[in-house]
Amino acid sequence: MNKFFKEKEYQILKMVYLNMTNKQIAQNINLSVSSIKAYRKDIYKKLKAKNRLDAIVIALRMGLLDL
């Protein structure tokens, strides 16, 4: 966990990093796909990322994710 993201956002970011689809993430943490999309939008905004890959690269550079 970190101070940059809320717990659920960080959990979703890690699953995005693992290349899970929105549907897989939703099933994994019992949320709707639309909720996952909303969380991802917030994550991308915080990271100033344009897309999934951009978010992962930025998070890695910031030390928020481990290889």
Protein backbone atom coordinates (compact mmCIF):
# COMPACT_ATOMS: atom_id res chain seq x y z
CA MET A 1 0.00 0.00 0.00
CA ASN A 2 1.12 3.57 -0.50
CA LYS A 3 -0.02 7.13 0.16
CA PHE A 4 -0.44 8.04 -3.51
CA PHE A 5 -3.45 5.78 -4.09
CA LYS A 6 -6.43 4.61 -2.10
CA GLU A 7 -6.25 0.91 -1.26
CA LYS A 8 -8.72 -0.14 -3.98
CA GLU A 9 -6.97 1.99 -6.62
CA TYR A 10 -3.62 0.42 -5.79
CA GLN A 11 -5.13 -3.06 -5.90
CA ILE A 12 -6.58 -2.33 -9.35
CA LEU A 13 -3.32 -0.81 -10.59
CA LYS A 14 -1.48 -4.00 -9.62
CA MET A 15 -4.02 -6.08 -11.55
CA VAL A 16 -3.70 -3.78 -14.57
CA TYR A 17 0.05 -4.36 -14.32
CA LEU A 18 -0.62 -8.11 -14.40
CA ASN A 19 -2.47 -7.51 -17.69
CA MET A 20 -5.86 -8.50 -16.32
CA THR A 21 -8.92 -7.33 -18.24
CA ASN A 22 -11.53 -5.08 -16.66
CA LYS A 23 -13.85 -8.08 -16.45
CA GLN A 24 -11.21 -10.21 -14.70
CA ILE A 25 -10.44 -7.42 -12.24
CA ALA A 26 -14.15 -6.89 -11.55
CA GLN A 27 -14.67 -10.59 -10.86
CA ASN A 28 -11.57 -10.74 -8.68
CA ILE A 29 -12.65 -7.94 -6.34
CA ASN A 30 -16.45 -8.17 -6.69
CA LEU A 31 -17.09 -4.86 -8.44
CA SER A 32 -18.83 -4.07 -11.70
CA VAL A 33 -16.87 -3.52 -14.89
CA SER A 34 -18.11 0.08 -14.96
CA SER A 35 -16.70 0.61 -11.45
CA ILE A 36 -13.34 -0.74 -12.58
CA LYS A 37 -13.38 1.64 -15.54
CA ALA A 38 -14.10 4.56 -13.19
CA TYR A 39 -11.26 3.53 -10.87
CA ARG A 40 -8.89 3.20 -13.82
CA LYS A 41 -9.86 6.66 -15.03
CA ASP A 42 -9.00 8.07 -11.59
CA ILE A 43 -5.72 6.14 -11.54
CA TYR A 44 -4.75 7.46 -14.97
CA LYS A 45 -5.63 10.99 -13.91
CA LYS A 46 -3.46 10.78 -10.78
CA LEU A 47 -0.56 9.42 -12.83
CA LYS A 48 -1.21 11.81 -15.73
CA ALA A 49 -1.27 8.71 -17.93
CA LYS A 50 -2.94 8.42 -21.32
CA ASN A 51 -3.57 4.68 -21.28
CA ARG A 52 -2.89 1.36 -19.55
CA LEU A 53 0.72 1.02 -20.73
CA ASP A 54 1.50 4.64 -19.90
CA ALA A 55 0.10 4.14 -16.38
CA ILE A 56 2.25 1.06 -15.83
CA VAL A 57 5.43 2.75 -17.05
CA ILE A 58 4.80 5.83 -14.89
CA ALA A 59 3.97 3.73 -11.82
CA LEU A 60 7.16 1.69 -12.30
CA ARG A 61 9.26 4.83 -12.63
CA MET A 62 7.69 6.24 -9.48
CA GLY A 63 8.47 3.04 -7.60
CA LEU A 64 4.79 2.26 -7.04
CA LEU A 65 5.10 -1.16 -8.69
CA ASP A 66 7.86 -3.76 -8.61
CA LEU A 67 9.04 -5.70 -11.66
